[in-house]
Amino acid sequence: MLQRTRFLPAIGAAALLATLVAAPPASAAGANGAGGPGGTGNAGMAGMHKAKPGPAPVCKELTANGGFELPKIGNAGWKLFDEDDVPAWGTDDPEGQIELWNGGMGVPARFGKQFAELNATGSGNSIYQDIKTKPNTKIYWSFWIRARDTSDGKDVDATQIHFGRTPKNGGSVNGVGSTFAYLNSASDVSWKRLYGWYKTGSNQTSTRVTLTAVDSASTDEGYGNLVDGLTIVENQNCI
């Protein structure tokens, strides 16, 4: 594994839904997007309404382990795990590894105690999971990104979220068919929230959501693109 060196301090997904509902967006994505036939998407404030007053909504979380709290790292600071040992998540990392951090590396998690670095042993890597969805239905997503400190001054990494039909053979990291992707960047100064919605296509009962390290400030493979707090729900008032 590559040697880990300096890291910036940070601001701090156990109770993800409760926290996200109470927290204003640190930064909103600002672009609309559209995928293939039957699938449309939107990132940021466009299409996202303020929650209406009334009874508390029923909030069903579609993701699992969205805060990367499992498996536990302990006091290691960071640790590589085989993808089979990280509940709900897969990866296209060249060695099949998923890297988890905790606050011991100088960057506290945005939620809970742990988060993930997308580049485990290679560069431009993705992690993904498949969620059960209803056809022709909007789902609402939110997650947080941060660049890794790799040099003097402010470093910036670009991260992408991508939605598509879960491939039957599991061979496509980004899914197939009705797709939507949104890319945004974050600095190593603080966590940044991205959020929006995605509409599933007809007969789309399983959706693959992928987080990809598009660009890293570091030239070293395995450096950059920190992510935390992925949550996906059916009720807009829960996000």
C-alpha atoms as a PDB file:
ATOM      1  CA  MET A   1       0.000   0.000   0.000  1.00  0.00           C
ATOM      2  CA  LEU A   2       1.167   3.518  -0.717  1.00  0.00           C
ATOM      3  CA  GLN A   3       2.636   5.423   2.201  1.00  0.00           C
ATOM      4  CA  ARG A   4       0.250   7.896   3.790  1.00  0.00           C
ATOM      5  CA  THR A   5       1.677  11.282   4.719  1.00  0.00           C
ATOM      6  CA  ARG A   6       0.141  14.676   5.602  1.00  0.00           C
ATOM      7  CA  PHE A   7      -3.546  15.442   5.984  1.00  0.00           C
ATOM      8  CA  LEU A   8      -5.562  18.548   6.704  1.00  0.00           C
ATOM      9  CA  PRO A   9      -7.870  18.820   9.699  1.00  0.00           C
ATOM     10  CA  ALA A  10     -11.559  18.768   8.847  1.00  0.00           C
ATOM     11  CA  ILE A  11     -15.064  19.169  10.090  1.00  0.00           C
ATOM     12  CA  GLY A  12     -16.754  16.312  11.353  1.00  0.00           C
ATOM     13  CA  ALA A  13     -23.463   7.856   8.871  1.00  0.00           C
ATOM     14  CA  ALA A  14     -25.002   6.748  11.847  1.00  0.00           C
ATOM     15  CA  ALA A  15     -28.179   8.843  11.972  1.00  0.00           C
ATOM     16  CA  LEU A  16     -27.806  10.100   8.406  1.00  0.00           C
ATOM     17  CA  LEU A  17     -31.392  11.006   7.699  1.00  0.00           C
ATOM     18  CA  ALA A  18     -31.918  12.982  10.886  1.00  0.00           C
ATOM     19  CA  THR A  19     -28.664  14.852  10.382  1.00  0.00           C
ATOM     20  CA  LEU A  20     -29.185  15.638   6.717  1.00  0.00           C
ATOM     21  CA  VAL A  21     -32.699  16.932   7.240  1.00  0.00           C
ATOM     22  CA  ALA A  22     -31.411  19.366   9.849  1.00  0.00           C
ATOM     23  CA  ALA A  23     -28.281  20.413   7.950  1.00  0.00           C
ATOM     24  CA  PRO A  24     -28.355  23.112   5.242  1.00  0.00           C
ATOM     25  CA  PRO A  25     -26.378  22.248   2.110  1.00  0.00           C
ATOM     26  CA  ALA A  26     -22.700  23.190   2.361  1.00  0.00           C
ATOM     27  CA  SER A  27     -22.778  23.579  -1.394  1.00  0.00           C
ATOM     28  CA  ALA A  28     -25.398  22.696  -3.945  1.00  0.00           C
ATOM     29  CA  ALA A  29     -24.644  21.264  -7.333  1.00  0.00           C
ATOM     30  CA  GLY A  30     -25.935  23.607  -9.967  1.00  0.00           C
ATOM     31  CA  ALA A  31     -26.697  21.734 -13.177  1.00  0.00           C
ATOM     32  CA  ASN A  32     -29.553  19.774 -14.618  1.00  0.00           C
ATOM     33  CA  GLY A  33     -28.914  16.468 -16.320  1.00  0.00           C
ATOM     34  CA  ALA A  34     -30.748  13.908 -18.416  1.00  0.00           C
ATOM     35  CA  GLY A  35     -29.961  10.301 -19.168  1.00  0.00           C
ATOM     36  CA  GLY A  36     -31.111   7.812 -21.749  1.00  0.00           C
ATOM     37  CA  PRO A  37     -34.698   6.920 -22.615  1.00  0.00           C
ATOM     38  CA  GLY A  38     -36.842   6.515 -19.530  1.00  0.00           C
ATOM     39  CA  GLY A  39     -34.309   8.037 -17.167  1.00  0.00           C
ATOM     40  CA  THR A  40     -33.842  11.635 -16.167  1.00  0.00           C
ATOM     41  CA  GLY A  41     -31.850  13.301 -13.457  1.00  0.00           C
ATOM     42  CA  ASN A  42     -31.247  16.560 -11.718  1.00  0.00           C
ATOM     43  CA  ALA A  43     -28.534  17.772  -9.380  1.00  0.00           C
ATOM     44  CA  GLY A  44     -28.719  20.684  -6.992  1.00  0.00           C
ATOM     45  CA  MET A  45     -31.558  23.029  -6.120  1.00  0.00           C
ATOM     46  CA  ALA A  46     -33.414  22.818  -9.429  1.00  0.00           C
ATOM     47  CA  GLY A  47     -36.353  20.501  -8.884  1.00  0.00           C
ATOM     48  CA  MET A  48     -35.739  20.313  -5.120  1.00  0.00           C
ATOM     49  CA  HIS A  49     -38.505  21.984  -3.146  1.00  0.00           C
ATOM     50  CA  LYS A  50     -38.610  23.074   0.447  1.00  0.00           C
ATOM     51  CA  ALA A  51     -40.230  20.520   2.710  1.00  0.00           C
ATOM     52  CA  LYS A  52     -43.876  21.294   3.432  1.00  0.00           C
ATOM     53  CA  PRO A  53     -44.908  21.633   7.071  1.00  0.00           C
ATOM     54  CA  GLY A  54     -46.887  18.777   8.510  1.00  0.00           C
ATOM     55  CA  PRO A  55     -46.391  15.317  10.030  1.00  0.00           C
ATOM     56  CA  ALA A  56     -42.883  13.906   9.951  1.00  0.00           C
ATOM     57  CA  PRO A  57     -42.366  11.960   6.709  1.00  0.00           C
ATOM     58  CA  VAL A  58     -41.775   8.213   6.630  1.00  0.00           C
ATOM     59  CA  CYS A  59     -38.138   7.934   5.600  1.00  0.00           C
ATOM     60  CA  LYS A  60     -36.981   4.660   4.077  1.00  0.00           C
ATOM     61  CA  GLU A  61     -33.262   4.501   3.361  1.00  0.00           C
ATOM     62  CA  LEU A  62     -32.498   2.682   0.081  1.00  0.00           C
ATOM     63  CA  THR A  63     -28.754   2.393   0.577  1.00  0.00           C
ATOM     64  CA  ALA A  64     -26.858   0.234   3.053  1.00  0.00           C
ATOM     65  CA  ASN A  65     -23.653   1.236   4.817  1.00  0.00           C
ATOM     66  CA  GLY A  66     -23.827   4.649   3.154  1.00  0.00           C
ATOM     67  CA  GLY A  67     -21.612   6.129   5.863  1.00  0.00           C
ATOM     68  CA  PHE A  68     -18.935   3.420   5.546  1.00  0.00           C
ATOM     69  CA  GLU A  69     -19.191   2.543   9.232  1.00  0.00           C
ATOM     70  CA  LEU A  70     -18.622  -1.164   8.482  1.00  0.00           C
ATOM     71  CA  PRO A  71     -16.304  -2.944   8.816  1.00  0.00           C
ATOM     72  CA  LYS A  72     -14.777  -1.222  11.808  1.00  0.00           C
ATOM     73  CA  ILE A  73     -11.258   0.138  11.395  1.00  0.00           C
ATOM     74  CA  GLY A  74     -10.482   0.440  15.098  1.00  0.00           C
ATOM     75  CA  ASN A  75      -7.498   2.656  15.854  1.00  0.00           C
ATOM     76  CA  ALA A  76      -5.681   2.064  12.566  1.00  0.00           C
ATOM     77  CA  GLY A  77      -6.433   5.485  11.047  1.00  0.00           C
ATOM     78  CA  TRP A  78      -7.008   3.878   7.652  1.00  0.00           C
ATOM     79  CA  LYS A  79      -7.306   0.336   6.375  1.00  0.00           C
ATOM     80  CA  LEU A  80      -7.751  -1.537   3.119  1.00  0.00           C
ATOM     81  CA  PHE A  81     -10.500  -4.144   2.928  1.00  0.00           C
ATOM     82  CA  ASP A  82     -11.350  -6.679   0.269  1.00  0.00           C
ATOM     83  CA  GLU A  83     -14.581  -5.542  -1.373  1.00  0.00           C
ATOM     84  CA  ASP A  84     -16.301  -8.730  -0.179  1.00  0.00           C
ATOM     85  CA  ASP A  85     -15.717  -7.592   3.403  1.00  0.00           C
ATOM     86  CA  VAL A  86     -17.362  -4.158   2.991  1.00  0.00           C
ATOM     87  CA  PRO A  87     -21.157  -4.570   3.300  1.00  0.00           C
ATOM     88  CA  ALA A  88     -23.161  -3.409   0.252  1.00  0.00           C
ATOM     89  CA  TRP A  89     -20.203  -1.989  -1.687  1.00  0.00           C
ATOM     90  CA  GLY A  90     -18.221  -3.175  -4.705  1.00  0.00           C
ATOM     91  CA  THR A  91     -15.313  -1.567  -6.548  1.00  0.00           C
ATOM     92  CA  ASP A  92     -13.365  -1.538  -9.805  1.00  0.00           C
ATOM     93  CA  ASP A  93     -10.119  -0.949  -7.895  1.00  0.00           C
ATOM     94  CA  PRO A  94      -7.393  -2.981  -9.665  1.00  0.00           C
ATOM     95  CA  GLU A  95      -6.785  -5.034  -6.517  1.00  0.00           C
ATOM     96  CA  GLY A  96     -10.432  -5.214  -5.458  1.00  0.00           C
ATOM     97  CA  GLN A  97      -9.769  -3.089  -2.396  1.00  0.00           C
ATOM     98  CA  ILE A  98     -11.906  -0.471  -0.637  1.00  0.00           C
ATOM     99  CA  GLU A  99     -10.126   1.986   1.637  1.00  0.00           C
ATOM    100  CA  LEU A 100     -11.775   3.281   4.786  1.00  0.00           C
ATOM    101  CA  TRP A 101     -10.572   6.055   7.074  1.00  0.00           C
ATOM    102  CA  ASN A 102     -11.421   7.337  10.505  1.00  0.00           C
ATOM    103  CA  GLY A 103     -10.524  10.569  12.308  1.00  0.00           C
ATOM    104  CA  GLY A 104      -7.103   9.222  13.184  1.00  0.00           C
ATOM    105  CA  MET A 105      -5.796  10.440   9.827  1.00  0.00           C
ATOM    106  CA  GLY A 106      -6.475  14.095  10.662  1.00  0.00           C
ATOM    107  CA  VAL A 107      -9.735  14.304   8.688  1.00  0.00           C
ATOM    108  CA  PRO A 108     -12.762  13.593  10.890  1.00  0.00           C
ATOM    109  CA  ALA A 109     -15.722  11.948   9.181  1.00  0.00           C
ATOM    110  CA  ARG A 110     -18.598  14.163   8.126  1.00  0.00           C
ATOM    111  CA  PHE A 111     -20.947  11.669   9.797  1.00  0.00           C
ATOM    112  CA  GLY A 112     -20.253   8.917  12.277  1.00  0.00           C
ATOM    113  CA  LYS A 113     -16.641   7.807  12.633  1.00  0.00           C
ATOM    114  CA  GLN A 114     -15.617   6.503   9.214  1.00  0.00           C
ATOM    115  CA  PHE A 115     -15.616   7.421   5.511  1.00  0.00           C
ATOM    116  CA  ALA A 116     -14.075   6.150   2.271  1.00  0.00           C
ATOM    117  CA  GLU A 117     -11.273   7.159  -0.057  1.00  0.00           C
ATOM    118  CA  LEU A 118     -12.232   6.258  -3.624  1.00  0.00           C
ATOM    119  CA  ASN A 119      -8.681   5.713  -4.822  1.00  0.00           C
ATOM    120  CA  ALA A 120      -7.544   2.676  -2.839  1.00  0.00           C
ATOM    121  CA  THR A 121      -4.650   1.224  -4.875  1.00  0.00           C
ATOM    122  CA  GLY A 122      -5.241   2.907  -8.246  1.00  0.00           C
ATOM    123  CA  SER A 123      -6.405   6.185  -9.736  1.00  0.00           C
ATOM    124  CA  GLY A 124      -9.773   7.095 -11.238  1.00  0.00           C
ATOM    125  CA  ASN A 125     -11.452   4.293  -9.308  1.00  0.00           C
ATOM    126  CA  SER A 126     -15.120   3.761  -8.448  1.00  0.00           C
ATOM    127  CA  ILE A 127     -17.119   2.185  -5.670  1.00  0.00           C
ATOM    128  CA  TYR A 128     -20.734   1.190  -6.223  1.00  0.00           C
ATOM    129  CA  GLN A 129     -23.770  -0.537  -4.777  1.00  0.00           C
ATOM    130  CA  ASP A 130     -27.086  -1.817  -6.108  1.00  0.00           C
ATOM    131  CA  ILE A 131     -30.324  -0.629  -4.530  1.00  0.00           C
ATOM    132  CA  LYS A 132     -33.920  -1.797  -4.965  1.00  0.00           C
ATOM    133  CA  THR A 133     -36.020   0.806  -6.791  1.00  0.00           C
ATOM    134  CA  LYS A 134     -39.499   1.217  -8.242  1.00  0.00           C
ATOM    135  CA  PRO A 135     -39.880   1.793 -11.992  1.00  0.00           C
ATOM    136  CA  ASN A 136     -40.596   5.318 -13.241  1.00  0.00           C
ATOM    137  CA  THR A 137     -40.012   6.797  -9.799  1.00  0.00           C
ATOM    138  CA  LYS A 138     -37.907   9.696  -8.558  1.00  0.00           C
ATOM    139  CA  ILE A 139     -35.351   8.933  -5.880  1.00  0.00           C
ATOM    140  CA  TYR A 140     -33.540  11.657  -3.968  1.00  0.00           C
ATOM    141  CA  TRP A 141     -29.834  11.472  -3.188  1.00  0.00           C
ATOM    142  CA  SER A 142     -27.269  13.272  -1.073  1.00  0.00           C
ATOM    143  CA  PHE A 143     -23.626  12.676  -0.230  1.00  0.00           C
ATOM    144  CA  TRP A 144     -20.511  14.597   0.803  1.00  0.00           C
ATOM    145  CA  ILE A 145     -17.136  14.943  -0.911  1.00  0.00           C
ATOM    146  CA  ARG A 146     -13.743  16.318   0.068  1.00  0.00           C
ATOM    147  CA  ALA A 147     -10.316  16.473  -1.547  1.00  0.00           C
ATOM    148  CA  ARG A 148      -7.344  14.850   0.088  1.00  0.00           C
ATOM    149  CA  ASP A 149      -4.498  17.105   1.186  1.00  0.00           C
ATOM    150  CA  THR A 150      -1.507  16.165  -0.947  1.00  0.00           C
ATOM    151  CA  SER A 151       0.438  19.406  -1.386  1.00  0.00           C
ATOM    152  CA  ASP A 152       0.914  22.911  -0.031  1.00  0.00           C
ATOM    153  CA  GLY A 153      -2.046  25.195  -0.614  1.00  0.00           C
ATOM    154  CA  LYS A 154      -5.563  24.157  -1.530  1.00  0.00           C
ATOM    155  CA  ASP A 155      -5.999  20.851  -3.331  1.00  0.00           C
ATOM    156  CA  VAL A 156      -9.107  20.130  -5.389  1.00  0.00           C
ATOM    157  CA  ASP A 157     -10.524  16.735  -6.412  1.00  0.00           C
ATOM    158  CA  ALA A 158     -13.465  16.043  -8.726  1.00  0.00           C
ATOM    159  CA  THR A 159     -15.954  13.296  -7.885  1.00  0.00           C
ATOM    160  CA  GLN A 160     -18.903  11.909  -9.869  1.00  0.00           C
ATOM    161  CA  ILE A 161     -22.131  10.197  -8.875  1.00  0.00           C
ATOM    162  CA  HIS A 162     -23.698   7.984 -11.526  1.00  0.00           C
ATOM    163  CA  PHE A 163     -27.023   6.113 -11.713  1.00  0.00           C
ATOM    164  CA  GLY A 164     -28.033   3.340 -14.082  1.00  0.00           C
ATOM    165  CA  ARG A 165     -29.854   0.026 -14.281  1.00  0.00           C
ATOM    166  CA  THR A 166     -28.087  -2.735 -12.416  1.00  0.00           C
ATOM    167  CA  PRO A 167     -26.470  -4.964 -15.049  1.00  0.00           C
ATOM    168  CA  LYS A 168     -27.700  -8.566 -14.942  1.00  0.00           C
ATOM    169  CA  ASN A 169     -24.197  -9.949 -15.219  1.00  0.00           C
ATOM    170  CA  GLY A 170     -22.639  -7.375 -12.864  1.00  0.00           C
ATOM    171  CA  GLY A 171     -20.079  -6.503 -15.530  1.00  0.00           C
ATOM    172  CA  SER A 172     -20.731  -2.774 -15.852  1.00  0.00           C
ATOM    173  CA  VAL A 173     -19.558  -0.603 -12.982  1.00  0.00           C
ATOM    174  CA  ASN A 174     -21.792   2.289 -14.012  1.00  0.00           C
ATOM    175  CA  GLY A 175     -24.905   0.251 -14.735  1.00  0.00           C
ATOM    176  CA  VAL A 176     -26.714   0.252 -18.067  1.00  0.00           C
ATOM    177  CA  GLY A 177     -29.715   1.791 -19.790  1.00  0.00           C
ATOM    178  CA  SER A 178     -31.307   4.831 -18.172  1.00  0.00           C
ATOM    179  CA  THR A 179     -28.332   6.748 -16.841  1.00  0.00           C
ATOM    180  CA  PHE A 180     -27.594  10.009 -15.097  1.00  0.00           C
ATOM    181  CA  ALA A 181     -24.226  11.320 -13.986  1.00  0.00           C
ATOM    182  CA  TYR A 182     -23.253  14.467 -12.120  1.00  0.00           C
ATOM    183  CA  LEU A 183     -19.709  15.665 -11.448  1.00  0.00           C
ATOM    184  CA  ASN A 184     -18.537  18.285  -8.973  1.00  0.00           C
ATOM    185  CA  SER A 185     -15.327  19.255  -7.217  1.00  0.00           C
ATOM    186  CA  ALA A 186     -14.340  19.907  -3.613  1.00  0.00           C
ATOM    187  CA  SER A 187     -11.290  21.298  -1.863  1.00  0.00           C
ATOM    188  CA  ASP A 188      -9.299  19.830   1.034  1.00  0.00           C
ATOM    189  CA  VAL A 189     -10.554  22.592   3.344  1.00  0.00           C
ATOM    190  CA  SER A 190     -14.010  21.227   4.209  1.00  0.00           C
ATOM    191  CA  TRP A 191     -16.648  18.678   3.288  1.00  0.00           C
ATOM    192  CA  LYS A 192     -19.048  19.682   0.494  1.00  0.00           C
ATOM    193  CA  ARG A 193     -22.582  18.361   0.036  1.00  0.00           C
ATOM    194  CA  LEU A 194     -23.985  17.319  -3.328  1.00  0.00           C
ATOM    195  CA  TYR A 195     -27.634  16.399  -3.751  1.00  0.00           C
ATOM    196  CA  GLY A 196     -30.367  16.005  -6.328  1.00  0.00           C
ATOM    197  CA  TRP A 197     -32.771  13.473  -7.804  1.00  0.00           C
ATOM    198  CA  TYR A 198     -32.805  10.673 -10.329  1.00  0.00           C
ATOM    199  CA  LYS A 199     -35.802   9.103 -12.091  1.00  0.00           C
ATOM    200  CA  THR A 200     -35.722   5.392 -12.769  1.00  0.00           C
ATOM    201  CA  GLY A 201     -36.760   3.945 -16.098  1.00  0.00           C
ATOM    202  CA  SER A 202     -39.507   1.464 -16.918  1.00  0.00           C
ATOM    203  CA  ASN A 203     -39.026  -1.954 -15.278  1.00  0.00           C
ATOM    204  CA  GLN A 204     -36.028  -0.602 -13.369  1.00  0.00           C
ATOM    205  CA  THR A 205     -36.324  -2.544 -10.135  1.00  0.00           C
ATOM    206  CA  SER A 206     -32.614  -2.430  -9.336  1.00  0.00           C
ATOM    207  CA  THR A 207     -30.403   0.635  -9.727  1.00  0.00           C
ATOM    208  CA  ARG A 208     -26.640   0.844  -9.515  1.00  0.00           C
ATOM    209  CA  VAL A 209     -25.251   3.993  -7.894  1.00  0.00           C
ATOM    210  CA  THR A 210     -21.560   4.625  -8.473  1.00  0.00           C
ATOM    211  CA  LEU A 211     -19.127   7.104  -6.919  1.00  0.00           C
ATOM    212  CA  THR A 212     -16.074   7.768  -9.101  1.00  0.00           C
ATOM    213  CA  ALA A 213     -12.795   9.576  -8.548  1.00  0.00           C
ATOM    214  CA  VAL A 214     -12.741  11.639 -11.733  1.00  0.00           C
ATOM    215  CA  ASP A 215      -9.741  13.801 -10.913  1.00  0.00           C
ATOM    216  CA  SER A 216      -7.258  14.059  -8.044  1.00  0.00           C
ATOM    217  CA  ALA A 217      -4.846  16.843  -7.155  1.00  0.00           C
ATOM    218  CA  SER A 218      -2.168  14.226  -6.490  1.00  0.00           C
ATOM    219  CA  THR A 219      -0.153  12.426  -9.148  1.00  0.00           C
ATOM    220  CA  ASP A 220       0.194   9.398  -6.860  1.00  0.00           C
ATOM    221  CA  GLU A 221      -2.181   6.508  -7.483  1.00  0.00           C
ATOM    222  CA  GLY A 222      -4.274   5.780  -4.449  1.00  0.00           C
ATOM    223  CA  TYR A 223      -4.531   9.419  -3.329  1.00  0.00           C
ATOM    224  CA  GLY A 224      -7.629  11.584  -3.275  1.00  0.00           C
ATOM    225  CA  ASN A 225     -11.423  11.777  -3.407  1.00  0.00           C
ATOM    226  CA  LEU A 226     -12.907  11.323   0.057  1.00  0.00           C
ATOM    227  CA  VAL A 227     -16.647  10.540   0.315  1.00  0.00           C
ATOM    228  CA  ASP A 228     -19.116  10.145   3.174  1.00  0.00           C
ATOM    229  CA  GLY A 229     -22.804  10.065   4.048  1.00  0.00           C
ATOM    230  CA  LEU A 230     -24.475   8.669   0.920  1.00  0.00           C
ATOM    231  CA  THR A 231     -28.213   8.542   1.464  1.00  0.00           C
ATOM    232  CA  ILE A 232     -30.941   7.785  -1.104  1.00  0.00           C
ATOM    233  CA  VAL A 233     -34.645   7.973  -0.302  1.00  0.00           C
ATOM    234  CA  GLU A 234     -38.003   7.981  -2.094  1.00  0.00           C
ATOM    235  CA  ASN A 235     -39.498  10.866  -0.126  1.00  0.00           C
ATOM    236  CA  GLN A 236     -38.079  14.272  -1.018  1.00  0.00           C
ATOM    237  CA  ASN A 237     -38.915  15.639   2.435  1.00  0.00           C
ATOM    238  CA  CYS A 238     -36.445  13.168   3.930  1.00  0.00           C
ATOM    239  CA  ILE A 239     -33.451  14.671   2.159  1.00  0.00           C
END
